[in-house]
């Protein structure tokens, strides 16, 4: 099958990626993509607290370490 698209292949890919939803102390959550080891890449922030959006750690694209035992960001 040949597929012609003006969209990047990352948007039309059929591969399922492993995503995590990590809760924040404010009650919101961070959506993240799992990378190798205990590293994650932030995809989006969903929160009602404006300070979560201003926190530089949670900017989309940032790569952070995850504590696998606790399920929290390091």
N, C-alpha and C. Protein backbone atom coordinates (compact mmCIF):
# COMPACT_ATOMS: atom_id res chain seq x y z
N UNK A 1 0.85 -1.17 0.00
CA UNK A 1 0.00 0.00 0.00
C UNK A 1 0.90 1.24 0.00
N UNK A 2 0.56 2.21 -0.81
CA UNK A 2 1.28 3.48 -0.86
C UNK A 2 0.37 4.55 -0.30
N UNK A 3 0.92 5.35 0.59
CA UNK A 3 0.14 6.42 1.20
C UNK A 3 0.81 7.75 0.93
N UNK A 4 0.11 8.64 0.28
CA UNK A 4 0.61 9.98 0.01
C UNK A 4 -0.05 10.94 0.99
N UNK A 5 0.77 11.70 1.71
CA UNK A 5 0.24 12.61 2.72
C UNK A 5 1.17 13.79 2.88
N UNK A 6 0.57 14.96 3.11
CA UNK A 6 1.38 16.14 3.40
C UNK A 6 1.71 16.24 4.89
N UNK A 7 1.12 15.36 5.70
CA UNK A 7 1.39 15.35 7.14
C UNK A 7 2.65 14.54 7.41
N UNK A 8 3.39 14.89 8.48
CA UNK A 8 4.55 14.08 8.85
C UNK A 8 4.13 12.66 9.23
N UNK A 9 4.99 11.71 8.97
CA UNK A 9 4.66 10.31 9.26
C UNK A 9 4.45 10.05 10.75
N UNK A 10 5.01 10.89 11.61
CA UNK A 10 4.79 10.70 13.04
C UNK A 10 3.33 10.95 13.41
N UNK A 11 2.61 11.73 12.60
CA UNK A 11 1.20 11.99 12.88
C UNK A 11 0.29 10.89 12.33
N UNK A 12 0.73 10.22 11.29
CA UNK A 12 -0.13 9.22 10.66
C UNK A 12 0.39 7.80 10.88
N UNK A 13 1.33 7.63 11.76
CA UNK A 13 1.91 6.32 12.03
C UNK A 13 0.90 5.44 12.77
N UNK A 14 0.95 4.17 12.49
CA UNK A 14 0.05 3.22 13.16
C UNK A 14 0.70 2.56 14.36
N UNK A 15 1.94 2.92 14.63
CA UNK A 15 2.62 2.33 15.77
C UNK A 15 2.07 2.90 17.07
N UNK A 16 1.80 2.02 18.01
CA UNK A 16 1.32 2.47 19.32
C UNK A 16 2.52 2.76 20.21
N UNK A 17 2.56 3.93 20.78
CA UNK A 17 3.64 4.30 21.68
C UNK A 17 3.18 4.12 23.12
N UNK A 18 4.14 3.82 23.98
CA UNK A 18 3.82 3.67 25.39
C UNK A 18 3.79 5.05 26.04
N UNK A 19 2.61 5.49 26.43
CA UNK A 19 2.44 6.78 27.10
C UNK A 19 2.05 6.57 28.55
N UNK A 20 2.50 7.49 29.38
CA UNK A 20 2.17 7.46 30.81
C UNK A 20 1.38 8.70 31.17
N UNK A 21 0.55 8.58 32.16
CA UNK A 21 -0.14 9.72 32.76
C UNK A 21 0.36 9.81 34.20
N UNK A 22 1.15 10.86 34.47
CA UNK A 22 1.78 11.01 35.78
C UNK A 22 1.03 12.08 36.57
N UNK A 23 0.48 11.74 37.74
CA UNK A 23 -0.26 12.74 38.53
C UNK A 23 0.68 13.78 39.13
N UNK A 24 0.18 15.00 39.21
CA UNK A 24 0.90 16.11 39.84
C UNK A 24 0.29 16.38 41.21
N UNK A 25 1.03 17.05 42.06
CA UNK A 25 0.57 17.36 43.41
C UNK A 25 -0.65 18.27 43.39
N UNK A 26 -0.80 19.07 42.34
CA UNK A 26 -1.91 20.03 42.25
C UNK A 26 -3.23 19.37 41.86
N UNK A 27 -3.19 18.10 41.47
CA UNK A 27 -4.40 17.41 41.04
C UNK A 27 -4.45 17.20 39.54
N UNK A 28 -3.59 17.85 38.80
CA UNK A 28 -3.51 17.66 37.36
C UNK A 28 -2.64 16.47 37.02
N UNK A 29 -2.31 16.35 35.74
CA UNK A 29 -1.42 15.27 35.34
C UNK A 29 -0.57 15.70 34.14
N UNK A 30 0.50 14.95 33.93
CA UNK A 30 1.41 15.16 32.81
C UNK A 30 1.33 13.92 31.93
N UNK A 31 1.13 14.11 30.64
CA UNK A 31 1.16 13.01 29.68
C UNK A 31 2.59 12.91 29.16
N UNK A 32 3.18 11.70 29.19
CA UNK A 32 4.58 11.53 28.82
C UNK A 32 4.77 10.27 27.98
N UNK A 33 5.80 10.32 27.14
CA UNK A 33 6.18 9.19 26.29
C UNK A 33 7.36 8.48 26.95
N UNK A 34 7.31 7.16 26.99
CA UNK A 34 8.37 6.38 27.62
C UNK A 34 9.54 6.26 26.65
N UNK A 35 10.73 6.59 27.13
CA UNK A 35 11.97 6.41 26.37
C UNK A 35 12.73 5.23 26.98
N UNK A 36 13.98 5.07 26.65
CA UNK A 36 14.77 3.96 27.19
C UNK A 36 15.03 4.17 28.68
N UNK A 37 15.13 3.06 29.40
CA UNK A 37 15.41 3.13 30.83
C UNK A 37 14.26 3.76 31.59
N UNK A 38 14.58 4.66 32.49
CA UNK A 38 13.56 5.33 33.30
C UNK A 38 13.38 6.77 32.85
N UNK A 39 13.66 7.03 31.57
CA UNK A 39 13.54 8.40 31.04
C UNK A 39 12.22 8.55 30.30
N UNK A 40 11.65 9.75 30.41
CA UNK A 40 10.39 10.05 29.72
C UNK A 40 10.51 11.40 29.03
N UNK A 41 9.69 11.60 28.00
CA UNK A 41 9.60 12.89 27.31
C UNK A 41 8.20 13.45 27.55
N UNK A 42 8.12 14.67 28.04
CA UNK A 42 6.84 15.31 28.32
C UNK A 42 6.12 15.61 27.01
N UNK A 43 4.85 15.20 26.92
CA UNK A 43 4.03 15.48 25.75
C UNK A 43 3.05 16.61 26.00
N UNK A 44 2.39 16.59 27.16
CA UNK A 44 1.41 17.64 27.46
C UNK A 44 1.15 17.72 28.96
N UNK A 45 0.57 18.84 29.37
CA UNK A 45 0.20 19.07 30.76
C UNK A 45 -1.31 19.33 30.80
N UNK A 46 -1.99 18.71 31.73
CA UNK A 46 -3.42 18.94 31.92
C UNK A 46 -3.64 19.25 33.40
N UNK A 47 -3.94 20.52 33.68
CA UNK A 47 -4.09 20.94 35.07
C UNK A 47 -4.93 22.21 35.13
N UNK A 48 -5.54 22.43 36.28
CA UNK A 48 -6.26 23.69 36.51
C UNK A 48 -5.40 24.70 37.25
N UNK A 49 -4.21 24.29 37.66
CA UNK A 49 -3.28 25.17 38.36
C UNK A 49 -2.34 25.84 37.35
N UNK A 50 -2.39 27.16 37.20
CA UNK A 50 -1.52 27.84 36.23
C UNK A 50 -0.04 27.65 36.51
N UNK A 51 0.33 27.40 37.75
CA UNK A 51 1.75 27.22 38.08
C UNK A 51 2.34 25.94 37.45
N UNK A 52 1.49 24.94 37.18
CA UNK A 52 1.97 23.74 36.51
C UNK A 52 2.45 24.05 35.09
N UNK A 53 1.77 24.98 34.42
CA UNK A 53 2.15 25.36 33.06
C UNK A 53 3.40 26.24 33.06
N UNK A 54 3.65 26.95 34.14
CA UNK A 54 4.81 27.82 34.23
C UNK A 54 6.05 27.09 34.72
N UNK A 55 5.89 25.89 35.24
CA UNK A 55 7.02 25.09 35.72
C UNK A 55 7.83 24.61 34.51
N UNK A 56 9.10 24.99 34.43
CA UNK A 56 9.94 24.67 33.28
C UNK A 56 10.18 23.17 33.12
N UNK A 57 10.06 22.40 34.19
CA UNK A 57 10.25 20.95 34.08
C UNK A 57 9.19 20.29 33.23
N UNK A 58 7.97 20.84 33.23
CA UNK A 58 6.85 20.20 32.56
C UNK A 58 6.60 20.72 31.15
N UNK A 59 7.54 21.45 30.57
CA UNK A 59 7.35 21.94 29.21
C UNK A 59 7.41 20.76 28.24
N UNK A 60 6.51 20.71 27.26
CA UNK A 60 6.53 19.62 26.28
C UNK A 60 7.87 19.54 25.57
N UNK A 61 8.37 18.32 25.44
CA UNK A 61 9.66 18.08 24.80
C UNK A 61 10.78 17.84 25.79
N UNK A 62 10.60 18.25 27.04
CA UNK A 62 11.64 18.03 28.06
C UNK A 62 11.76 16.55 28.36
N UNK A 63 12.98 16.12 28.62
CA UNK A 63 13.25 14.73 28.98
C UNK A 63 13.62 14.69 30.46
N UNK A 64 12.86 13.89 31.21
CA UNK A 64 13.05 13.79 32.66
C UNK A 64 13.26 12.34 33.06
N UNK A 65 13.74 12.14 34.27
CA UNK A 65 13.88 10.80 34.84
C UNK A 65 12.65 10.50 35.69
N UNK A 66 12.24 9.26 35.66
CA UNK A 66 11.08 8.80 36.41
C UNK A 66 11.53 7.79 37.44
N UNK A 67 11.04 7.93 38.66
CA UNK A 67 11.32 6.95 39.71
C UNK A 67 10.32 5.80 39.51
N UNK A 68 10.78 4.66 38.98
CA UNK A 68 9.83 3.58 38.67
C UNK A 68 9.12 3.02 39.89
N UNK A 69 9.75 3.02 41.04
CA UNK A 69 9.12 2.44 42.23
C UNK A 69 7.96 3.30 42.70
N UNK A 70 8.15 4.61 42.71
CA UNK A 70 7.10 5.50 43.21
C UNK A 70 6.20 6.03 42.10
N UNK A 71 6.65 5.98 40.84
CA UNK A 71 5.86 6.53 39.74
C UNK A 71 5.82 8.03 39.74
N UNK A 72 6.86 8.66 40.28
CA UNK A 72 6.93 10.12 40.35
C UNK A 72 8.13 10.62 39.57
N UNK A 73 8.11 11.89 39.25
CA UNK A 73 9.23 12.52 38.55
C UNK A 73 10.37 12.82 39.51
N UNK A 74 11.58 12.65 39.05
CA UNK A 74 12.77 12.93 39.86
C UNK A 74 13.30 14.28 39.48
